[in-house]
Amino acid sequence: MEQLSGKTAIVTGASSGIGAAIAREIVKEGGNVVLAARRTEKLAELERELVKYGNSKVLSVQTDVTKNHEVEALVKQAEQKFQQIDFFINNAGQMLTAPIRSGKVEEWETMIDVNIKGVIFGINAVLPTMIERSNGHIINVCSVAGFEVTKASTVYSATKYAVRAISAGLEKELARTGVRVTNISPGMVDTSLTSNSGGHNERKKLETKDIAKAVIYAVTQPSYVNVNEITVRPV
């Protein structure tokens, strides 16, 4: 059964990893998807893959989420093609090992711009029409680093704590508007971002599809159910 038939989602950071997995699951459930990322060749490759699944429509839009005007253009283009956006999935993120003592100011700025400003820009661009329709769902892909801090993750964790705060505050702002908010916090996922974190005695990392299925769970709940927080960790 295609649970998302007739629905449309925008997925940022869609060119690889968790974002690509989310896009695949949405299409498998019959939904349309707008792929947003900076790497056009990766977007084109994924689009060619997804259009083979069935009746879903796919649109790729090159987008740098740190640039507000590009995010606004993304949403406008998506609305022109699909009329309305049902789900906005803030997935784009940067995980750089740049503790305060490192003095890596540019890396701090990158994480702050992508992980915090990118999320807010996306919400800002899509929210007015969702509120007008009294319907829509914003998914923020966060991290367990938004609950825990290590000596190497100070700035990264700070950005993810911020995403959790944005999700929590937005849910309260949108109470009784019909617009839902879900914060999804994955543990270690097997992606290019975590490929150098290994050790032979580590627990098995999560697969990207595990997080994608959490997204599908949240967006397929009855309209009166708002799943605010999902944390997904390896066993």
Protein backbone atom coordinates (compact mmCIF):
# COMPACT_ATOMS: atom_id res chain seq x y z
CA MET A 1 0.00 0.00 0.00
CA GLU A 2 1.35 3.42 -1.00
CA GLN A 3 0.74 5.52 2.09
CA LEU A 4 1.97 8.82 0.60
CA SER A 5 0.18 8.81 -2.75
CA GLY A 6 -0.56 12.39 -3.81
CA LYS A 7 1.75 13.87 -1.17
CA THR A 8 4.88 15.91 -1.90
CA ALA A 9 8.05 16.25 0.17
CA ILE A 10 11.11 18.47 -0.09
CA VAL A 11 14.27 16.78 1.17
CA THR A 12 17.39 18.87 1.73
CA GLY A 13 20.79 17.22 1.66
CA ALA A 14 19.21 14.69 -0.68
CA SER A 15 22.22 13.86 -2.84
CA SER A 16 23.54 11.06 -0.61
CA GLY A 17 23.34 9.32 2.75
CA ILE A 18 20.26 9.79 4.91
CA GLY A 19 18.69 12.32 2.54
CA ALA A 20 18.85 9.97 -0.44
CA ALA A 21 17.43 7.13 1.68
CA ILE A 22 14.54 9.33 2.81
CA ALA A 23 13.79 10.24 -0.81
CA ARG A 24 13.77 6.55 -1.79
CA GLU A 25 11.33 5.62 0.97
CA ILE A 26 8.99 8.49 0.10
CA VAL A 27 8.87 7.41 -3.54
CA LYS A 28 8.36 3.77 -2.55
CA GLU A 29 5.32 4.94 -0.58
CA GLY A 30 3.95 6.70 -3.66
CA GLY A 31 4.91 10.28 -2.76
CA ASN A 32 6.43 12.94 -4.98
CA VAL A 33 9.82 14.26 -3.93
CA VAL A 34 11.85 17.41 -4.48
CA LEU A 35 15.57 16.71 -4.15
CA ALA A 36 17.64 19.62 -2.87
CA ALA A 37 21.43 19.68 -2.54
CA ARG A 38 24.50 21.39 -3.95
CA ARG A 39 25.87 18.49 -6.01
CA THR A 40 23.90 18.51 -9.25
CA GLU A 41 25.50 15.37 -10.67
CA LYS A 42 24.49 13.37 -7.59
CA LEU A 43 20.97 14.80 -7.71
CA ALA A 44 20.62 13.86 -11.37
CA GLU A 45 21.84 10.33 -10.65
CA LEU A 46 19.34 9.87 -7.82
CA GLU A 47 16.51 11.36 -9.88
CA ARG A 48 17.16 8.84 -12.66
CA GLU A 49 16.97 6.07 -10.07
CA LEU A 50 13.78 7.28 -8.42
CA VAL A 51 11.70 7.84 -11.54
CA LYS A 52 11.91 4.09 -12.21
CA TYR A 53 9.97 3.23 -9.04
CA GLY A 54 6.49 4.00 -10.32
CA ASN A 55 4.08 6.90 -10.62
CA SER A 56 5.89 9.35 -8.34
CA LYS A 57 7.22 12.59 -9.77
CA VAL A 58 10.72 13.81 -8.93
CA LEU A 59 12.20 17.29 -9.18
CA SER A 60 15.85 18.19 -8.54
CA VAL A 61 16.83 21.70 -7.49
CA GLN A 62 20.42 22.71 -6.82
CA THR A 63 20.29 24.44 -3.44
CA ASP A 64 22.73 25.78 -0.90
CA VAL A 65 20.71 25.85 2.33
CA THR A 66 23.00 28.49 3.83
CA LYS A 67 21.63 30.99 1.29
CA ASN A 68 18.13 32.13 2.18
CA HIS A 69 17.27 33.25 -1.36
CA GLU A 70 18.16 29.81 -2.73
CA VAL A 71 15.94 28.08 -0.17
CA GLU A 72 13.07 30.43 -0.99
CA ALA A 73 13.59 29.71 -4.71
CA LEU A 74 13.57 25.97 -3.96
CA VAL A 75 10.18 26.16 -2.25
CA LYS A 76 8.74 28.41 -4.94
CA GLN A 77 9.86 26.06 -7.71
CA ALA A 78 8.48 23.07 -5.84
CA GLU A 79 5.12 24.76 -5.30
CA GLN A 80 4.92 25.73 -8.96
CA LYS A 81 5.33 22.10 -9.98
CA PHE A 82 3.34 20.35 -7.24
CA GLN A 83 0.96 23.09 -6.01
CA GLN A 84 1.58 22.32 -2.35
CA ILE A 85 4.33 20.90 -0.11
CA ASP A 86 3.11 18.43 2.47
CA PHE A 87 6.44 17.62 4.14
CA PHE A 88 9.63 19.66 4.46
CA ILE A 89 12.53 17.51 5.62
CA ASN A 90 15.48 19.49 6.96
CA ASN A 91 18.19 16.90 6.49
CA ALA A 92 21.19 18.86 5.20
CA GLY A 93 23.96 18.89 7.78
CA GLN A 94 27.68 19.16 8.39
CA MET A 95 29.54 17.12 11.00
CA LEU A 96 33.09 18.44 11.38
CA THR A 97 35.49 17.63 14.20
CA ALA A 98 36.38 21.12 15.27
CA PRO A 99 36.58 21.52 19.06
CA ILE A 100 36.96 25.01 20.48
CA ARG A 101 40.68 24.50 21.12
CA SER A 102 41.26 23.79 17.43
CA GLY A 103 40.62 27.40 16.48
CA LYS A 104 38.99 26.25 13.22
CA VAL A 105 36.72 29.24 12.82
CA GLU A 106 35.74 28.45 9.23
CA GLU A 107 34.59 24.95 10.19
CA TRP A 108 32.55 26.36 13.08
CA GLU A 109 30.91 28.81 10.70
CA THR A 110 30.13 26.03 8.22
CA MET A 111 28.37 23.93 10.86
CA ILE A 112 26.45 26.91 12.23
CA ASP A 113 25.39 28.05 8.76
CA VAL A 114 24.27 24.63 7.52
CA ASN A 115 22.98 23.02 10.70
CA ILE A 116 21.17 26.00 12.24
CA LYS A 117 20.59 28.72 9.66
CA GLY A 118 19.81 26.18 6.96
CA VAL A 119 17.08 24.66 9.13
CA ILE A 120 15.53 28.03 9.96
CA PHE A 121 15.65 29.17 6.33
CA GLY A 122 13.80 26.03 5.24
CA ILE A 123 11.13 26.41 7.89
CA ASN A 124 10.69 30.09 7.08
CA ALA A 125 10.24 29.42 3.37
CA VAL A 126 7.62 26.69 3.67
CA LEU A 127 5.71 27.59 6.82
CA PRO A 128 3.38 30.42 5.65
CA THR A 129 1.54 28.26 3.11
CA MET A 130 1.37 25.33 5.53
CA ILE A 131 -0.25 27.55 8.15
CA GLU A 132 -2.62 28.99 5.53
CA ARG A 133 -3.74 25.45 4.61
CA SER A 134 -3.77 24.30 8.26
CA ASN A 135 -1.80 21.30 7.12
CA GLY A 136 1.84 20.30 6.73
CA HIS A 137 4.69 18.57 8.49
CA ILE A 138 8.23 19.75 9.20
CA ILE A 139 10.85 17.10 9.95
CA ASN A 140 14.19 18.17 11.41
CA VAL A 141 16.91 15.53 11.20
CA CYS A 142 18.99 16.20 14.29
CA SER A 143 21.46 13.88 16.07
CA VAL A 144 22.08 12.21 19.43
CA ALA A 145 24.82 14.85 19.62
CA GLY A 146 21.93 17.14 20.50
CA PHE A 147 21.67 15.21 23.78
CA GLU A 148 25.33 14.44 24.48
CA VAL A 149 28.62 16.31 24.11
CA THR A 150 32.07 14.81 23.65
CA LYS A 151 35.39 16.62 23.84
CA ALA A 152 35.58 16.60 20.04
CA SER A 153 31.98 17.60 19.35
CA THR A 154 31.55 20.89 21.20
CA VAL A 155 30.47 23.06 18.26
CA TYR A 156 28.71 20.28 16.36
CA SER A 157 26.73 19.33 19.47
CA ALA A 158 25.90 22.99 20.03
CA THR A 159 24.32 23.17 16.58
CA LYS A 160 22.31 20.01 17.20
CA TYR A 161 21.15 21.22 20.63
CA ALA A 162 19.95 24.28 18.71
CA VAL A 163 18.01 22.14 16.24
CA ARG A 164 16.29 20.37 19.14
CA ALA A 165 15.40 23.75 20.65
CA ILE A 166 14.05 24.97 17.31
CA SER A 167 11.93 21.83 16.97
CA ALA A 168 10.58 22.08 20.52
CA GLY A 169 9.80 25.78 20.26
CA LEU A 170 8.25 25.49 16.82
CA GLU A 171 5.97 22.68 17.97
CA LYS A 172 4.64 24.99 20.67
CA GLU A 173 4.29 27.90 18.24
CA LEU A 174 2.27 25.75 15.86
CA ALA A 175 -0.04 24.12 18.40
CA ARG A 176 -3.57 23.85 16.98
CA THR A 177 -2.54 25.21 13.57
CA GLY A 178 -2.64 21.78 11.89
CA VAL A 179 1.09 21.91 11.13
CA ARG A 180 3.13 19.18 12.80
CA VAL A 181 6.80 19.11 13.82
CA THR A 182 9.04 16.09 14.35
CA ASN A 183 12.64 16.03 15.52
CA ILE A 184 14.54 12.85 14.58
CA SER A 185 17.85 12.21 16.33
CA PRO A 186 19.93 9.39 14.82
CA GLY A 187 22.85 7.73 16.53
CA MET A 188 25.85 6.67 14.47
CA VAL A 189 24.74 6.02 10.89
CA ASP A 190 26.88 4.38 8.22
CA THR A 191 27.42 7.32 5.85
CA SER A 192 30.36 9.18 4.37
CA LEU A 193 30.19 11.60 7.32
CA THR A 194 31.00 8.77 9.77
CA SER A 195 33.23 6.58 7.59
CA ASN A 196 36.38 7.60 9.45
CA SER A 197 35.01 7.04 12.93
CA GLY A 198 35.49 3.26 12.92
CA GLY A 199 36.99 0.81 15.32
CA HIS A 200 36.72 -2.91 15.19
CA ASN A 201 34.85 -3.17 18.49
CA GLU A 202 32.16 -0.62 17.70
CA ARG A 203 28.50 -1.52 17.65
CA LYS A 204 27.06 -1.98 14.18
CA LYS A 205 26.17 1.42 12.76
CA LEU A 206 22.64 2.19 11.75
CA GLU A 207 21.77 2.05 8.07
CA THR A 208 20.43 5.14 6.31
CA LYS A 209 17.15 3.35 5.60
CA ASP A 210 16.59 3.01 9.37
CA ILE A 211 16.31 6.78 9.66
CA ALA A 212 14.24 7.01 6.48
CA LYS A 213 11.71 4.58 7.95
CA ALA A 214 11.48 6.76 11.06
CA VAL A 215 10.51 9.66 8.79
CA ILE A 216 7.84 7.55 7.10
CA TYR A 217 6.49 6.52 10.52
CA ALA A 218 6.15 10.16 11.61
CA VAL A 219 4.46 11.46 8.46
CA THR A 220 1.98 8.58 8.15
CA GLN A 221 0.37 9.01 11.55
CA PRO A 222 -3.26 10.17 11.74
CA SER A 223 -3.72 13.91 11.39
CA TYR A 224 -4.45 14.31 15.11
CA VAL A 225 -1.14 12.63 16.10
CA ASN A 226 2.00 14.76 16.34
CA VAL A 227 5.13 12.67 16.90
CA ASN A 228 7.47 15.28 18.35
CA GLU A 229 10.68 13.34 19.03
CA ILE A 230 12.20 10.15 17.68
CA THR A 231 15.62 8.95 18.82
CA VAL A 232 17.17 6.08 16.86
CA ARG A 233 20.30 4.41 18.27
CA PRO A 234 22.28 1.27 17.43
CA VAL A 235 21.65 -1.64 19.80
